[in-house]
Structure formats: C-alpha cells, structure tokens
Amino acid sequence: MNRKHEAGSSLIEKEDAVLVIIDMQEKLFPVMVQKEDLASQVMKLVRFSKIVGLPVVMTEQEKLGPTLSDIKAELASVPAVPKLDFDCFGCESFVQRIQEMKRSTLILCGIEAHICVAQTALHAAATFDVHVVADAVASRSPENRRIALERMSHRGVTITSTEMVIYELLKRAGTQTFKEVLKLVK
C-alpha cells in the first residue's frame, strides 16, 4: 500500500490523488436522501476528473445493478470493480487497481455513506490521506449519513466538499483549465 503523507500540507495534490466512486448504482440510488444533489455533485467530480486528468476507480456492489447511466457514459473507459465486501479494500481487484496507481490520496464519494464509504475510508485512513466529499455521499437516512461523517472525521478522514476538492486541485484562476472547470461550478 501507499504511505500516508507526512505532517505538513493537507491540501490535495492532483499528481497524488485518485477519485473513488463507490456503488452509485441503479437499484440503490432511488432510496437515497437528497439523491438529486448527490447525483449532481458526483457528476461534477466525474467531469472535473476528466478535465484535469485525475484517475478514477469506480465500484459496483454485486446484485445492485449497473452504475447510473449518466456516470457510466462519462466514464466509458473506466471499468467498474465488482465487489461483495462493503469495505472496498476487501476486494482484491480494487486493492490491485489502487496499488497500480501509486497514489497516496483517496477522494471518496458515493453510497452509502455509513456502510461502504465509511468502511472503505476507515480502513484506508491508516495508510492513505482520505478525503470524503460530504456533498457527494448519501445514505437512506440523514442520521446515518451524519453519524458516518462524524465517525470518519474523528478517525482522521478529511471531510470536504465538491467545490473544495475542485479548487484545491485547480490551485489557481486564470488558466484555460480554470475556465473549463468554471462551467461546472456555475
């Protein structure tokens, strides 16, 4: 596994990060609280990752159907990692894909916040810098989502937002990339 950053800057570095989209699937999505906001924020992250060349890993919990079609269409070249474990690190093909990337920062989004996202984040926190995008995770109940974010934060996971991730990785205004990304956040 990759080593966690030493003390110092806690800003995300594009060259060291990967976006992990957890179980944004057709059968689970309809029962999420604030699902429209969730889908919108995950799509911003997906489109942003394409603009800046941020690698993406996408998982699918078995028996919950395919990833939402809009996300899948945007990430046509990214095959989903099928899994049975709630913690993505229980899946050997997920571990292998992350190891191949040789990056030490994970940016997590998806569903459900208190199950697969939390278990993955808590597992990874010992080895990686983990950033959970609060406005891009959801659960079936607001209480479970709140508890999950609180628990992850207490265990050293950085709780962030879609725009915080975007602007940290952009670093500066006035570039052509900034102009492209501005269309996503306006």
C-alpha atoms as a PDB file:
ATOM      1  CA  MET A   1       0.000   0.000   0.000  1.00  0.00           C
ATOM      2  CA  ASN A   2       0.949   3.598  -0.378  1.00  0.00           C
ATOM      3  CA  ARG A   3       2.192   5.501   2.623  1.00  0.00           C
ATOM      4  CA  LYS A   4       0.210   8.238   4.264  1.00  0.00           C
ATOM      5  CA  HIS A   5       1.544  11.784   3.824  1.00  0.00           C
ATOM      6  CA  GLU A   6       3.862  13.079   6.495  1.00  0.00           C
ATOM      7  CA  ALA A   7       2.737  16.033   8.568  1.00  0.00           C
ATOM      8  CA  GLY A   8       2.587  19.220   6.541  1.00  0.00           C
ATOM      9  CA  SER A   9       0.266  20.322   3.800  1.00  0.00           C
ATOM     10  CA  SER A  10      -3.154  18.758   3.937  1.00  0.00           C
ATOM     11  CA  LEU A  11      -4.111  20.089   0.518  1.00  0.00           C
ATOM     12  CA  ILE A  12      -4.851  17.518  -2.154  1.00  0.00           C
ATOM     13  CA  GLU A  13      -2.229  17.211  -4.892  1.00  0.00           C
ATOM     14  CA  LYS A  14      -3.568  16.106  -8.297  1.00  0.00           C
ATOM     15  CA  GLU A  15      -0.484  14.019  -9.079  1.00  0.00           C
ATOM     16  CA  ASP A  16      -1.003  12.021  -5.884  1.00  0.00           C
ATOM     17  CA  ALA A  17      -4.799  11.604  -5.839  1.00  0.00           C
ATOM     18  CA  VAL A  18      -7.450   9.264  -7.214  1.00  0.00           C
ATOM     19  CA  LEU A  19     -11.225   9.730  -7.251  1.00  0.00           C
ATOM     20  CA  VAL A  20     -13.075   6.671  -5.928  1.00  0.00           C
ATOM     21  CA  ILE A  21     -16.763   6.445  -6.833  1.00  0.00           C
ATOM     22  CA  ILE A  22     -18.431   3.878  -4.593  1.00  0.00           C
ATOM     23  CA  ASP A  23     -21.574   1.998  -5.648  1.00  0.00           C
ATOM     24  CA  MET A  24     -23.514   4.713  -7.485  1.00  0.00           C
ATOM     25  CA  GLN A  25     -25.910   2.049  -8.728  1.00  0.00           C
ATOM     26  CA  GLU A  26     -29.394   1.999 -10.206  1.00  0.00           C
ATOM     27  CA  LYS A  27     -31.044  -0.212  -7.566  1.00  0.00           C
ATOM     28  CA  LEU A  28     -29.641   1.641  -4.561  1.00  0.00           C
ATOM     29  CA  PHE A  29     -29.767   5.227  -5.808  1.00  0.00           C
ATOM     30  CA  PRO A  30     -33.596   5.730  -5.731  1.00  0.00           C
ATOM     31  CA  VAL A  31     -33.785   5.260  -1.938  1.00  0.00           C
ATOM     32  CA  MET A  32     -31.056   7.808  -1.102  1.00  0.00           C
ATOM     33  CA  VAL A  33     -31.940  11.011   0.730  1.00  0.00           C
ATOM     34  CA  GLN A  34     -31.263  14.097  -1.445  1.00  0.00           C
ATOM     35  CA  LYS A  35     -30.415  11.866  -4.394  1.00  0.00           C
ATOM     36  CA  GLU A  36     -30.631  14.659  -6.975  1.00  0.00           C
ATOM     37  CA  ASP A  37     -27.971  16.691  -5.138  1.00  0.00           C
ATOM     38  CA  LEU A  38     -25.855  13.555  -4.760  1.00  0.00           C
ATOM     39  CA  ALA A  39     -26.006  12.781  -8.489  1.00  0.00           C
ATOM     40  CA  SER A  40     -25.209  16.384  -9.388  1.00  0.00           C
ATOM     41  CA  GLN A  41     -22.130  16.556  -7.148  1.00  0.00           C
ATOM     42  CA  VAL A  42     -20.782  13.166  -8.250  1.00  0.00           C
ATOM     43  CA  MET A  43     -21.206  14.221 -11.902  1.00  0.00           C
ATOM     44  CA  LYS A  44     -19.267  17.437 -11.194  1.00  0.00           C
ATOM     45  CA  LEU A  45     -16.444  15.364  -9.739  1.00  0.00           C
ATOM     46  CA  VAL A  46     -16.532  12.973 -12.705  1.00  0.00           C
ATOM     47  CA  ARG A  47     -16.470  15.775 -15.277  1.00  0.00           C
ATOM     48  CA  PHE A  48     -13.790  17.621 -13.329  1.00  0.00           C
ATOM     49  CA  SER A  49     -11.627  14.493 -13.173  1.00  0.00           C
ATOM     50  CA  LYS A  50     -11.817  14.210 -16.958  1.00  0.00           C
ATOM     51  CA  ILE A  51     -10.810  17.847 -17.458  1.00  0.00           C
ATOM     52  CA  VAL A  52      -7.764  17.668 -15.165  1.00  0.00           C
ATOM     53  CA  GLY A  53      -6.750  14.059 -15.837  1.00  0.00           C
ATOM     54  CA  LEU A  54      -7.492  12.774 -12.331  1.00  0.00           C
ATOM     55  CA  PRO A  55      -7.672   8.967 -12.351  1.00  0.00           C
ATOM     56  CA  VAL A  56     -10.946   7.346 -11.316  1.00  0.00           C
ATOM     57  CA  VAL A  57     -11.816   3.992  -9.766  1.00  0.00           C
ATOM     58  CA  MET A  58     -15.475   3.025  -9.718  1.00  0.00           C
ATOM     59  CA  THR A  59     -17.020   0.146  -7.744  1.00  0.00           C
ATOM     60  CA  GLU A  60     -20.278  -1.764  -8.038  1.00  0.00           C
ATOM     61  CA  GLN A  61     -21.738  -3.844  -5.239  1.00  0.00           C
ATOM     62  CA  GLU A  62     -22.885  -7.133  -6.750  1.00  0.00           C
ATOM     63  CA  LYS A  63     -26.653  -7.574  -7.284  1.00  0.00           C
ATOM     64  CA  LEU A  64     -27.410  -3.836  -7.170  1.00  0.00           C
ATOM     65  CA  GLY A  65     -27.375  -3.319 -10.917  1.00  0.00           C
ATOM     66  CA  PRO A  66     -25.100  -1.170 -13.034  1.00  0.00           C
ATOM     67  CA  THR A  67     -23.751   2.265 -12.213  1.00  0.00           C
ATOM     68  CA  LEU A  68     -26.132   5.119 -13.062  1.00  0.00           C
ATOM     69  CA  SER A  69     -26.150   5.554 -16.829  1.00  0.00           C
ATOM     70  CA  ASP A  70     -25.023   9.229 -16.820  1.00  0.00           C
ATOM     71  CA  ILE A  71     -21.962   8.407 -14.740  1.00  0.00           C
ATOM     72  CA  LYS A  72     -21.222   5.272 -16.744  1.00  0.00           C
ATOM     73  CA  ALA A  73     -21.444   7.227 -20.011  1.00  0.00           C
ATOM     74  CA  GLU A  74     -18.976   9.844 -18.737  1.00  0.00           C
ATOM     75  CA  LEU A  75     -16.597   7.107 -17.598  1.00  0.00           C
ATOM     76  CA  ALA A  76     -16.978   4.709 -20.517  1.00  0.00           C
ATOM     77  CA  SER A  77     -13.258   3.845 -20.422  1.00  0.00           C
ATOM     78  CA  VAL A  78     -13.289   3.069 -16.674  1.00  0.00           C
ATOM     79  CA  PRO A  79     -14.457  -0.470 -15.954  1.00  0.00           C
ATOM     80  CA  ALA A  80     -16.300  -0.831 -12.655  1.00  0.00           C
ATOM     81  CA  VAL A  81     -14.749  -3.047 -10.000  1.00  0.00           C
ATOM     82  CA  PRO A  82     -17.364  -5.604  -8.895  1.00  0.00           C
ATOM     83  CA  LYS A  83     -17.340  -6.378  -5.171  1.00  0.00           C
ATOM     84  CA  LEU A  84     -19.143  -8.258  -2.428  1.00  0.00           C
ATOM     85  CA  ASP A  85     -17.348  -6.651   0.523  1.00  0.00           C
ATOM     86  CA  PHE A  86     -18.685  -3.402   1.932  1.00  0.00           C
ATOM     87  CA  ASP A  87     -15.105  -2.180   2.501  1.00  0.00           C
ATOM     88  CA  CYS A  88     -13.641  -1.753  -0.984  1.00  0.00           C
ATOM     89  CA  PHE A  89     -10.281  -2.916   0.384  1.00  0.00           C
ATOM     90  CA  GLY A  90     -11.808  -6.364   0.950  1.00  0.00           C
ATOM     91  CA  CYS A  91     -11.880  -6.725  -2.849  1.00  0.00           C
ATOM     92  CA  GLU A  92      -8.549  -7.837  -4.311  1.00  0.00           C
ATOM     93  CA  SER A  93      -9.155  -6.258  -7.729  1.00  0.00           C
ATOM     94  CA  PHE A  94      -9.876  -2.899  -6.062  1.00  0.00           C
ATOM     95  CA  VAL A  95      -6.689  -3.139  -3.984  1.00  0.00           C
ATOM     96  CA  GLN A  96      -4.706  -4.033  -7.088  1.00  0.00           C
ATOM     97  CA  ARG A  97      -6.114  -1.115  -9.090  1.00  0.00           C
ATOM     98  CA  ILE A  98      -5.319   1.343  -6.295  1.00  0.00           C
ATOM     99  CA  GLN A  99      -1.799  -0.065  -5.866  1.00  0.00           C
ATOM    100  CA  GLU A 100      -1.108   0.215  -9.598  1.00  0.00           C
ATOM    101  CA  MET A 101      -1.862   3.933  -9.461  1.00  0.00           C
ATOM    102  CA  LYS A 102       0.854   4.543  -6.844  1.00  0.00           C
ATOM    103  CA  ARG A 103      -1.052   7.427  -5.268  1.00  0.00           C
ATOM    104  CA  SER A 104      -1.488   8.112  -1.575  1.00  0.00           C
ATOM    105  CA  THR A 105      -4.610  10.314  -1.531  1.00  0.00           C
ATOM    106  CA  LEU A 106      -8.098   8.897  -1.984  1.00  0.00           C
ATOM    107  CA  ILE A 107     -11.064  11.166  -2.713  1.00  0.00           C
ATOM    108  CA  LEU A 108     -14.209   9.175  -1.887  1.00  0.00           C
ATOM    109  CA  CYS A 109     -17.780   9.756  -2.998  1.00  0.00           C
ATOM    110  CA  GLY A 110     -20.850   7.563  -3.463  1.00  0.00           C
ATOM    111  CA  ILE A 111     -23.224   5.440  -1.419  1.00  0.00           C
ATOM    112  CA  GLU A 112     -23.952   4.518   1.243  1.00  0.00           C
ATOM    113  CA  ALA A 113     -22.067   6.942   3.469  1.00  0.00           C
ATOM    114  CA  HIS A 114     -22.443   4.840   6.622  1.00  0.00           C
ATOM    115  CA  ILE A 115     -21.665   1.474   5.023  1.00  0.00           C
ATOM    116  CA  CYS A 116     -19.348   1.156   2.019  1.00  0.00           C
ATOM    117  CA  VAL A 117     -17.979   4.702   2.066  1.00  0.00           C
ATOM    118  CA  ALA A 118     -17.318   4.673   5.826  1.00  0.00           C
ATOM    119  CA  GLN A 119     -15.794   1.194   5.923  1.00  0.00           C
ATOM    120  CA  THR A 120     -13.522   1.992   2.980  1.00  0.00           C
ATOM    121  CA  ALA A 121     -12.480   5.349   4.452  1.00  0.00           C
ATOM    122  CA  LEU A 122     -11.841   3.972   7.936  1.00  0.00           C
ATOM    123  CA  HIS A 123      -9.777   1.104   6.536  1.00  0.00           C
ATOM    124  CA  ALA A 124      -7.760   3.386   4.252  1.00  0.00           C
ATOM    125  CA  ALA A 125      -7.141   6.110   6.856  1.00  0.00           C
ATOM    126  CA  ALA A 126      -4.222   4.199   8.376  1.00  0.00           C
ATOM    127  CA  THR A 127      -2.344   4.154   5.067  1.00  0.00           C
ATOM    128  CA  PHE A 128      -3.736   6.891   2.833  1.00  0.00           C
ATOM    129  CA  ASP A 129      -4.801  10.509   3.066  1.00  0.00           C
ATOM    130  CA  VAL A 130      -8.555  10.077   2.762  1.00  0.00           C
ATOM    131  CA  HIS A 131     -10.929  12.858   1.751  1.00  0.00           C
ATOM    132  CA  VAL A 132     -14.661  12.114   1.835  1.00  0.00           C
ATOM    133  CA  VAL A 133     -16.708  14.541  -0.237  1.00  0.00           C
ATOM    134  CA  ALA A 134     -19.635  15.252   2.112  1.00  0.00           C
ATOM    135  CA  ASP A 135     -21.969  16.681  -0.515  1.00  0.00           C
ATOM    136  CA  ALA A 136     -21.236  13.709  -2.805  1.00  0.00           C
ATOM    137  CA  VAL A 137     -22.120  10.923  -0.345  1.00  0.00           C
ATOM    138  CA  ALA A 138     -25.553   9.811   0.805  1.00  0.00           C
ATOM    139  CA  SER A 139     -27.438   7.256   2.865  1.00  0.00           C
ATOM    140  CA  ARG A 140     -31.054   6.180   3.131  1.00  0.00           C
ATOM    141  CA  SER A 141     -31.376   8.283   6.276  1.00  0.00           C
ATOM    142  CA  PRO A 142     -29.839  11.676   7.092  1.00  0.00           C
ATOM    143  CA  GLU A 143     -28.956  10.417  10.577  1.00  0.00           C
ATOM    144  CA  ASN A 144     -26.810   7.563   9.251  1.00  0.00           C
ATOM    145  CA  ARG A 145     -25.011   9.947   6.907  1.00  0.00           C
ATOM    146  CA  ARG A 146     -24.370  12.434   9.722  1.00  0.00           C
ATOM    147  CA  ILE A 147     -23.045   9.742  12.062  1.00  0.00           C
ATOM    148  CA  ALA A 148     -20.811   8.336   9.334  1.00  0.00           C
ATOM    149  CA  LEU A 149     -19.255  11.722   8.531  1.00  0.00           C
ATOM    150  CA  GLU A 150     -18.701  12.392  12.235  1.00  0.00           C
ATOM    151  CA  ARG A 151     -17.112   8.980  12.860  1.00  0.00           C
ATOM    152  CA  MET A 152     -14.827   9.252   9.828  1.00  0.00           C
ATOM    153  CA  SER A 153     -13.749  12.740  10.869  1.00  0.00           C
ATOM    154  CA  HIS A 154     -12.869  11.511  14.363  1.00  0.00           C
ATOM    155  CA  ARG A 155     -10.651   8.847  12.776  1.00  0.00           C
ATOM    156  CA  GLY A 156      -8.574  11.276  10.727  1.00  0.00           C
ATOM    157  CA  VAL A 157     -10.535  11.301   7.495  1.00  0.00           C
ATOM    158  CA  THR A 158     -10.816  14.765   5.951  1.00  0.00           C
ATOM    159  CA  ILE A 159     -14.426  15.753   5.332  1.00  0.00           C
ATOM    160  CA  THR A 160     -14.573  18.091   2.359  1.00  0.00           C
ATOM    161  CA  SER A 161     -16.934  19.322  -0.362  1.00  0.00           C
ATOM    162  CA  THR A 162     -17.060  19.077  -4.130  1.00  0.00           C
ATOM    163  CA  GLU A 163     -16.003  22.690  -4.624  1.00  0.00           C
ATOM    164  CA  MET A 164     -13.219  22.409  -2.054  1.00  0.00           C
ATOM    165  CA  VAL A 165     -11.786  19.424  -3.961  1.00  0.00           C
ATOM    166  CA  ILE A 166     -12.122  21.188  -7.301  1.00  0.00           C
ATOM    167  CA  TYR A 167     -10.442  24.420  -6.212  1.00  0.00           C
ATOM    168  CA  GLU A 168      -7.682  22.642  -4.247  1.00  0.00           C
ATOM    169  CA  LEU A 169      -6.746  20.638  -7.305  1.00  0.00           C
ATOM    170  CA  LEU A 170      -7.003  23.640  -9.653  1.00  0.00           C
ATOM    171  CA  LYS A 171      -4.729  25.751  -7.410  1.00  0.00           C
ATOM    172  CA  ARG A 172      -5.150  28.950  -9.468  1.00  0.00           C
ATOM    173  CA  ALA A 173      -7.507  31.038 -11.571  1.00  0.00           C
ATOM    174  CA  GLY A 174      -6.840  32.478 -14.990  1.00  0.00           C
ATOM    175  CA  THR A 175      -5.820  29.258 -16.729  1.00  0.00           C
ATOM    176  CA  GLN A 176      -7.592  27.545 -19.610  1.00  0.00           C
ATOM    177  CA  THR A 177      -8.357  24.619 -17.274  1.00  0.00           C
ATOM    178  CA  PHE A 178      -9.898  27.034 -14.765  1.00  0.00           C
ATOM    179  CA  LYS A 179     -12.133  28.445 -17.494  1.00  0.00           C
ATOM    180  CA  GLU A 180     -13.309  24.937 -18.445  1.00  0.00           C
ATOM    181  CA  VAL A 181     -13.965  23.984 -14.835  1.00  0.00           C
ATOM    182  CA  LEU A 182     -15.793  27.231 -14.106  1.00  0.00           C
ATOM    183  CA  LYS A 183     -18.634  25.959 -16.300  1.00  0.00           C
ATOM    184  CA  LEU A 184     -19.106  23.049 -13.873  1.00  0.00           C
ATOM    185  CA  VAL A 185     -19.399  25.125 -10.724  1.00  0.00           C
ATOM    186  CA  LYS A 186     -21.565  27.993 -12.000  1.00  0.00           C
END
